[in-house]
Amino acid sequence: MTDLVLVDTNVILDITGADPVWLGWSSGQLAGLVHRLAINPLIYTELCHSAGKIEDVEAILASLGLIYLELPREALFLASQAFRNYRRNGGTKSAPLADFFIGAHAQAEGFTLLTRDVDRYRSYFPSVPLIHP
């Protein structure tokens, strides 16, 4: 297991949006994990949603010390398996959710995942260590 921590989008948005409830918790978690924090293409894409330009997202990565990592093929396979199980369990979305790619990436690479969105990760990626409130 590596000591990198994959940071879920909600934690980053707590900080960039100065969330009144979660800012303290999220910024405290990132401060305690300096030089170990990473994101992947799905997290990057979610951050781009509210950005005016790519430089805004790059500035977030730089200011928070986030490393950008590509998804390995094993993670893509695991994400498809999680989506298949989700549909078998009555899930209604017609395409895999970003959380499936994020959880699969953490599982494939042996990362810990920093998130506030625990339920889906525990359901579909129970072996992934979570840092959560």
N, C-alpha and C. Protein backbone atom coordinates (compact mmCIF):
# COMPACT_ATOMS: atom_id res chain seq x y z
N MET A 1 0.85 -1.18 0.00
CA MET A 1 0.00 0.00 0.00
C MET A 1 0.89 1.24 0.00
N THR A 2 0.52 2.17 -0.83
CA THR A 2 1.24 3.44 -0.90
C THR A 2 0.72 4.40 0.16
N ASP A 3 1.48 5.40 0.46
CA ASP A 3 0.99 6.35 1.46
C ASP A 3 0.37 7.59 0.83
N LEU A 4 0.08 7.53 -0.50
CA LEU A 4 -0.66 8.62 -1.12
C LEU A 4 -2.12 8.55 -0.71
N VAL A 5 -2.74 9.73 -0.65
CA VAL A 5 -4.15 9.84 -0.29
C VAL A 5 -4.88 10.51 -1.45
N LEU A 6 -5.88 9.83 -1.99
CA LEU A 6 -6.72 10.39 -3.04
C LEU A 6 -7.76 11.29 -2.37
N VAL A 7 -7.85 12.53 -2.83
CA VAL A 7 -8.73 13.52 -2.20
C VAL A 7 -10.00 13.66 -3.03
N ASP A 8 -11.13 13.33 -2.44
CA ASP A 8 -12.41 13.44 -3.12
C ASP A 8 -12.75 14.91 -3.36
N THR A 9 -13.49 15.16 -4.41
CA THR A 9 -13.84 16.52 -4.81
C THR A 9 -14.52 17.31 -3.70
N ASN A 10 -15.38 16.66 -2.93
CA ASN A 10 -16.14 17.40 -1.90
C ASN A 10 -15.20 18.05 -0.89
N VAL A 11 -14.10 17.41 -0.59
CA VAL A 11 -13.15 17.97 0.38
C VAL A 11 -12.47 19.21 -0.20
N ILE A 12 -12.10 19.15 -1.46
CA ILE A 12 -11.47 20.29 -2.12
C ILE A 12 -12.45 21.47 -2.21
N LEU A 13 -13.68 21.17 -2.58
CA LEU A 13 -14.69 22.23 -2.71
C LEU A 13 -15.03 22.86 -1.36
N ASP A 14 -14.91 22.10 -0.28
CA ASP A 14 -15.09 22.68 1.06
C ASP A 14 -14.12 23.83 1.27
N ILE A 15 -12.90 23.65 0.77
CA ILE A 15 -11.85 24.64 0.98
C ILE A 15 -11.99 25.79 -0.01
N THR A 16 -12.13 25.47 -1.29
CA THR A 16 -12.20 26.52 -2.30
C THR A 16 -13.48 27.35 -2.16
N GLY A 17 -14.53 26.74 -1.66
CA GLY A 17 -15.79 27.46 -1.47
C GLY A 17 -15.99 27.98 -0.06
N ALA A 18 -14.99 27.79 0.80
CA ALA A 18 -15.06 28.22 2.21
C ALA A 18 -16.37 27.77 2.86
N ASP A 19 -16.66 26.48 2.72
CA ASP A 19 -17.89 25.93 3.29
C ASP A 19 -17.93 26.20 4.79
N PRO A 20 -19.01 26.83 5.28
CA PRO A 20 -19.05 27.20 6.69
C PRO A 20 -19.09 26.01 7.65
N VAL A 21 -19.57 24.88 7.19
CA VAL A 21 -19.65 23.69 8.05
C VAL A 21 -18.37 22.86 7.96
N TRP A 22 -17.83 22.68 6.77
CA TRP A 22 -16.77 21.70 6.55
C TRP A 22 -15.38 22.27 6.31
N LEU A 23 -15.24 23.58 6.16
CA LEU A 23 -13.94 24.17 5.87
C LEU A 23 -12.87 23.76 6.89
N GLY A 24 -13.17 23.86 8.16
CA GLY A 24 -12.19 23.54 9.20
C GLY A 24 -11.74 22.09 9.14
N TRP A 25 -12.68 21.18 9.03
CA TRP A 25 -12.34 19.77 8.99
C TRP A 25 -11.51 19.44 7.74
N SER A 26 -11.99 19.90 6.58
CA SER A 26 -11.31 19.58 5.33
C SER A 26 -9.92 20.19 5.25
N SER A 27 -9.77 21.45 5.63
CA SER A 27 -8.45 22.07 5.57
C SER A 27 -7.51 21.43 6.59
N GLY A 28 -8.02 21.04 7.74
CA GLY A 28 -7.21 20.35 8.73
C GLY A 28 -6.71 19.01 8.22
N GLN A 29 -7.55 18.29 7.52
CA GLN A 29 -7.14 17.00 6.96
C GLN A 29 -6.04 17.18 5.92
N LEU A 30 -6.20 18.16 5.02
CA LEU A 30 -5.18 18.39 4.00
C LEU A 30 -3.86 18.83 4.64
N ALA A 31 -3.94 19.68 5.64
CA ALA A 31 -2.73 20.16 6.31
C ALA A 31 -1.94 19.01 6.94
N GLY A 32 -2.65 18.00 7.43
CA GLY A 32 -1.99 16.87 8.06
C GLY A 32 -1.43 15.84 7.08
N LEU A 33 -1.73 16.03 5.80
CA LEU A 33 -1.31 15.06 4.78
C LEU A 33 -0.46 15.69 3.68
N VAL A 34 0.20 16.77 3.98
CA VAL A 34 1.00 17.49 2.99
C VAL A 34 1.97 16.54 2.30
N HIS A 35 2.14 16.73 1.00
CA HIS A 35 3.05 15.95 0.14
C HIS A 35 2.56 14.52 -0.10
N ARG A 36 1.34 14.22 0.29
CA ARG A 36 0.79 12.88 0.08
C ARG A 36 -0.53 12.91 -0.67
N LEU A 37 -0.96 14.07 -1.16
CA LEU A 37 -2.30 14.27 -1.69
C LEU A 37 -2.35 14.17 -3.21
N ALA A 38 -3.35 13.45 -3.72
CA ALA A 38 -3.46 13.25 -5.16
C ALA A 38 -4.91 13.35 -5.61
N ILE A 39 -5.08 13.64 -6.89
CA ILE A 39 -6.39 13.60 -7.54
C ILE A 39 -6.23 12.84 -8.85
N ASN A 40 -7.35 12.53 -9.48
CA ASN A 40 -7.34 11.85 -10.76
C ASN A 40 -8.19 12.62 -11.78
N PRO A 41 -8.32 12.14 -13.02
CA PRO A 41 -9.07 12.88 -14.04
C PRO A 41 -10.52 13.18 -13.67
N LEU A 42 -11.19 12.28 -12.94
CA LEU A 42 -12.59 12.53 -12.58
C LEU A 42 -12.69 13.67 -11.58
N ILE A 43 -11.81 13.68 -10.61
CA ILE A 43 -11.80 14.76 -9.62
C ILE A 43 -11.44 16.07 -10.31
N TYR A 44 -10.47 16.03 -11.19
CA TYR A 44 -10.08 17.22 -11.96
C TYR A 44 -11.28 17.76 -12.73
N THR A 45 -12.01 16.86 -13.40
CA THR A 45 -13.18 17.25 -14.18
C THR A 45 -14.24 17.90 -13.30
N GLU A 46 -14.47 17.32 -12.14
CA GLU A 46 -15.46 17.90 -11.23
C GLU A 46 -15.03 19.29 -10.75
N LEU A 47 -13.75 19.51 -10.57
CA LEU A 47 -13.25 20.82 -10.18
C LEU A 47 -13.41 21.84 -11.32
N CYS A 48 -13.33 21.37 -12.56
CA CYS A 48 -13.47 22.25 -13.72
C CYS A 48 -14.89 22.79 -13.88
N HIS A 49 -15.85 22.10 -13.31
CA HIS A 49 -17.25 22.48 -13.49
C HIS A 49 -17.52 23.94 -13.14
N SER A 50 -16.95 24.41 -12.05
CA SER A 50 -17.22 25.79 -11.63
C SER A 50 -16.07 26.75 -11.95
N ALA A 51 -15.07 26.26 -12.67
CA ALA A 51 -13.91 27.11 -12.99
C ALA A 51 -14.18 27.92 -14.25
N GLY A 52 -13.62 29.12 -14.28
CA GLY A 52 -13.74 29.95 -15.47
C GLY A 52 -12.76 29.57 -16.55
N LYS A 53 -11.60 29.06 -16.14
CA LYS A 53 -10.56 28.67 -17.09
C LYS A 53 -9.67 27.61 -16.45
N ILE A 54 -8.93 26.91 -17.27
CA ILE A 54 -8.10 25.81 -16.79
C ILE A 54 -7.06 26.30 -15.78
N GLU A 55 -6.58 27.50 -15.94
CA GLU A 55 -5.59 28.05 -15.02
C GLU A 55 -6.14 28.14 -13.59
N ASP A 56 -7.45 28.33 -13.46
CA ASP A 56 -8.07 28.37 -12.14
C ASP A 56 -7.94 27.02 -11.44
N VAL A 57 -8.15 25.95 -12.19
CA VAL A 57 -8.04 24.61 -11.62
C VAL A 57 -6.58 24.29 -11.31
N GLU A 58 -5.69 24.66 -12.20
CA GLU A 58 -4.26 24.43 -11.96
C GLU A 58 -3.79 25.18 -10.72
N ALA A 59 -4.35 26.36 -10.49
CA ALA A 59 -3.98 27.14 -9.30
C ALA A 59 -4.46 26.43 -8.03
N ILE A 60 -5.63 25.80 -8.08
CA ILE A 60 -6.14 25.03 -6.94
C ILE A 60 -5.19 23.89 -6.63
N LEU A 61 -4.79 23.15 -7.67
CA LEU A 61 -3.88 22.03 -7.47
C LEU A 61 -2.58 22.51 -6.82
N ALA A 62 -2.03 23.59 -7.35
CA ALA A 62 -0.76 24.10 -6.83
C ALA A 62 -0.92 24.59 -5.39
N SER A 63 -1.98 25.31 -5.11
CA SER A 63 -2.13 25.88 -3.76
C SER A 63 -2.39 24.82 -2.70
N LEU A 64 -3.01 23.72 -3.09
CA LEU A 64 -3.31 22.65 -2.12
C LEU A 64 -2.28 21.52 -2.16
N GLY A 65 -1.31 21.62 -3.07
CA GLY A 65 -0.27 20.60 -3.17
C GLY A 65 -0.79 19.27 -3.67
N LEU A 66 -1.72 19.31 -4.63
CA LEU A 66 -2.33 18.09 -5.15
C LEU A 66 -1.57 17.58 -6.37
N ILE A 67 -1.25 16.30 -6.36
CA ILE A 67 -0.58 15.63 -7.47
C ILE A 67 -1.65 15.08 -8.40
N TYR A 68 -1.48 15.25 -9.70
CA TYR A 68 -2.43 14.71 -10.69
C TYR A 68 -1.93 13.34 -11.16
N LEU A 69 -2.80 12.34 -11.05
CA LEU A 69 -2.46 10.98 -11.48
C LEU A 69 -3.48 10.47 -12.49
N GLU A 70 -3.01 9.76 -13.49
CA GLU A 70 -3.92 9.12 -14.45
C GLU A 70 -4.51 7.86 -13.83
N LEU A 71 -5.61 7.40 -14.40
CA LEU A 71 -6.25 6.16 -13.94
C LEU A 71 -5.60 4.95 -14.62
N PRO A 72 -5.20 3.97 -13.85
CA PRO A 72 -4.68 2.74 -14.46
C PRO A 72 -5.83 1.90 -15.02
N ARG A 73 -5.53 1.04 -15.95
CA ARG A 73 -6.57 0.20 -16.55
C ARG A 73 -7.28 -0.66 -15.52
N GLU A 74 -6.56 -1.13 -14.52
CA GLU A 74 -7.20 -1.94 -13.47
C GLU A 74 -8.33 -1.15 -12.79
N ALA A 75 -8.11 0.14 -12.58
CA ALA A 75 -9.14 0.97 -11.96
C ALA A 75 -10.36 1.09 -12.87
N LEU A 76 -10.13 1.20 -14.17
CA LEU A 76 -11.25 1.28 -15.11
C LEU A 76 -12.07 0.00 -15.07
N PHE A 77 -11.39 -1.13 -15.00
CA PHE A 77 -12.10 -2.40 -14.89
C PHE A 77 -12.91 -2.47 -13.59
N LEU A 78 -12.28 -2.10 -12.47
CA LEU A 78 -12.98 -2.13 -11.19
C LEU A 78 -14.17 -1.18 -11.16
N ALA A 79 -14.04 -0.03 -11.81
CA ALA A 79 -15.16 0.91 -11.88
C ALA A 79 -16.33 0.30 -12.65
N SER A 80 -16.04 -0.42 -13.72
CA SER A 80 -17.12 -1.05 -14.49
C SER A 80 -17.80 -2.15 -13.68
N GLN A 81 -17.04 -2.87 -12.88
CA GLN A 81 -17.62 -3.92 -12.04
C GLN A 81 -18.51 -3.31 -10.95
N ALA A 82 -18.06 -2.20 -10.37
CA ALA A 82 -18.87 -1.51 -9.36
C ALA A 82 -20.17 -1.00 -9.98
N PHE A 83 -20.09 -0.46 -11.19
CA PHE A 83 -21.29 0.03 -11.86
C PHE A 83 -22.25 -1.13 -12.16
N ARG A 84 -21.71 -2.25 -12.58
CA ARG A 84 -22.55 -3.42 -12.83
C ARG A 84 -23.29 -3.83 -11.56
N ASN A 85 -22.58 -3.86 -10.43
CA ASN A 85 -23.21 -4.21 -9.15
C ASN A 85 -24.25 -3.17 -8.74
N TYR A 86 -23.95 -1.91 -8.98
CA TYR A 86 -24.89 -0.83 -8.69
C TYR A 86 -26.19 -1.03 -9.46
N ARG A 87 -26.09 -1.33 -10.74
CA ARG A 87 -27.29 -1.56 -11.57
C ARG A 87 -28.05 -2.80 -11.10
N ARG A 88 -27.33 -3.86 -10.76
CA ARG A 88 -27.98 -5.08 -10.25
C ARG A 88 -28.72 -4.83 -8.95
N ASN A 89 -28.22 -3.85 -8.18
CA ASN A 89 -28.86 -3.51 -6.90
C ASN A 89 -29.95 -2.46 -7.05
N GLY A 90 -30.36 -2.18 -8.28
CA GLY A 90 -31.45 -1.25 -8.50
C GLY A 90 -31.05 0.17 -8.82
N GLY A 91 -29.76 0.43 -8.99
CA GLY A 91 -29.31 1.78 -9.34
C GLY A 91 -29.89 2.21 -10.67
N THR A 92 -30.23 3.47 -10.77
CA THR A 92 -30.94 3.96 -11.96
C THR A 92 -30.10 4.77 -12.93
N LYS A 93 -28.91 5.15 -12.56
CA LYS A 93 -28.05 5.92 -13.47
C LYS A 93 -27.67 5.06 -14.66
N SER A 94 -27.57 5.68 -15.85
CA SER A 94 -27.27 4.91 -17.05
C SER A 94 -25.78 4.89 -17.39
N ALA A 95 -24.98 5.63 -16.66
CA ALA A 95 -23.54 5.63 -16.87
C ALA A 95 -22.85 5.60 -15.51
N PRO A 96 -21.63 5.06 -15.47
CA PRO A 96 -20.92 4.99 -14.18
C PRO A 96 -20.75 6.37 -13.54
N LEU A 97 -20.91 6.41 -12.24
CA LEU A 97 -20.76 7.63 -11.48
C LEU A 97 -19.27 7.91 -11.24
N ALA A 98 -18.93 9.17 -11.10
CA ALA A 98 -17.54 9.54 -10.84
C ALA A 98 -16.99 8.82 -9.61
N ASP A 99 -17.84 8.64 -8.60
CA ASP A 99 -17.39 7.95 -7.38
C ASP A 99 -16.89 6.54 -7.67
N PHE A 100 -17.44 5.89 -8.68
CA PHE A 100 -16.97 4.54 -9.01
C PHE A 100 -15.52 4.59 -9.52
N PHE A 101 -15.19 5.58 -10.33
CA PHE A 101 -13.82 5.71 -10.83
C PHE A 101 -12.87 6.11 -9.71
N ILE A 102 -13.33 6.98 -8.83
CA ILE A 102 -12.49 7.44 -7.72
C ILE A 102 -12.22 6.29 -6.75
N GLY A 103 -13.26 5.57 -6.36
CA GLY A 103 -13.09 4.43 -5.47
C GLY A 103 -12.26 3.32 -6.09
N ALA A 104 -12.49 3.07 -7.37
CA ALA A 104 -11.72 2.03 -8.08
C ALA A 104 -10.24 2.41 -8.17
N HIS A 105 -9.97 3.69 -8.38
CA HIS A 105 -8.59 4.14 -8.44
C HIS A 105 -7.90 3.90 -7.10
N ALA A 106 -8.59 4.28 -6.02
CA ALA A 106 -8.02 4.05 -4.68
C ALA A 106 -7.77 2.57 -4.45
N GLN A 107 -8.71 1.73 -4.82
CA GLN A 107 -8.55 0.29 -4.61
C GLN A 107 -7.41 -0.27 -5.45
N ALA A 108 -7.36 0.08 -6.72
CA ALA A 108 -6.34 -0.47 -7.62
C ALA A 108 -4.93 -0.09 -7.20
N GLU A 109 -4.76 1.12 -6.68
CA GLU A 109 -3.42 1.61 -6.34
C GLU A 109 -3.09 1.47 -4.85
N GLY A 110 -4.05 1.03 -4.05
CA GLY A 110 -3.80 0.89 -2.62
C GLY A 110 -3.76 2.22 -1.89
N PHE A 111 -4.51 3.21 -2.41
CA PHE A 111 -4.56 4.53 -1.79
C PHE A 111 -5.60 4.55 -0.68
N THR A 112 -5.40 5.45 0.26
CA THR A 112 -6.45 5.84 1.20
C THR A 112 -7.25 6.92 0.49
N LEU A 113 -8.53 7.01 0.81
CA LEU A 113 -9.41 8.02 0.21
C LEU A 113 -9.91 8.97 1.28
N LEU A 114 -9.69 10.26 1.05
CA LEU A 114 -10.18 11.31 1.94
C LEU A 114 -11.49 11.83 1.36
N THR A 115 -12.59 11.65 2.10
CA THR A 115 -13.91 12.00 1.59
C THR A 115 -14.88 12.29 2.72
N ARG A 116 -15.96 12.98 2.37
CA ARG A 116 -17.10 13.10 3.29
C ARG A 116 -18.25 12.23 2.82
N ASP A 117 -18.11 11.62 1.65
CA ASP A 117 -19.17 10.83 1.02
C ASP A 117 -18.87 9.34 1.22
N VAL A 118 -19.18 8.83 2.38
CA VAL A 118 -18.71 7.51 2.80
C VAL A 118 -19.53 6.35 2.25
N ASP A 119 -20.84 6.45 2.21
CA ASP A 119 -21.70 5.30 1.95
C ASP A 119 -21.40 4.56 0.64
N ARG A 120 -21.30 5.27 -0.47
CA ARG A 120 -21.07 4.60 -1.75
C ARG A 120 -19.70 3.91 -1.75
N TYR A 121 -18.69 4.57 -1.20
CA TYR A 121 -17.37 3.94 -1.18
C TYR A 121 -17.37 2.69 -0.31
N ARG A 122 -18.02 2.74 0.83
CA ARG A 122 -18.08 1.55 1.70
C ARG A 122 -18.86 0.43 1.03
N SER A 123 -19.89 0.78 0.28
CA SER A 123 -20.71 -0.24 -0.38
C SER A 123 -19.98 -0.94 -1.52
N TYR A 124 -19.28 -0.17 -2.35
CA TYR A 124 -18.71 -0.75 -3.56
C TYR A 124 -17.20 -0.98 -3.49
N PHE A 125 -16.54 -0.37 -2.52
CA PHE A 125 -15.09 -0.53 -2.36
C PHE A 125 -14.75 -0.71 -0.88
N PRO A 126 -15.26 -1.75 -0.27
CA PRO A 126 -15.11 -1.90 1.18
C PRO A 126 -13.68 -2.07 1.67
N SER A 127 -12.76 -2.44 0.78
CA SER A 127 -11.37 -2.62 1.21
C SER A 127 -10.56 -1.32 1.19
N VAL A 128 -11.14 -0.26 0.64
CA VAL A 128 -10.42 1.02 0.55
C VAL A 128 -10.46 1.71 1.91
N PRO A 129 -9.30 2.04 2.48
CA PRO A 129 -9.29 2.79 3.74
C PRO A 129 -9.81 4.21 3.51
N LEU A 130 -10.68 4.65 4.39
CA LEU A 130 -11.29 5.98 4.26
C LEU A 130 -10.86 6.87 5.43
N ILE A 131 -10.61 8.13 5.10
CA ILE A 131 -10.49 9.18 6.11
C ILE A 131 -11.75 10.00 5.94
N HIS A 132 -12.56 10.08 6.97
CA HIS A 132 -13.86 10.75 6.88
C HIS A 132 -14.26 11.29 8.24
N PRO A 133 -15.22 12.22 8.23
CA PRO A 133 -15.68 12.74 9.54
C PRO A 133 -16.42 11.68 10.35
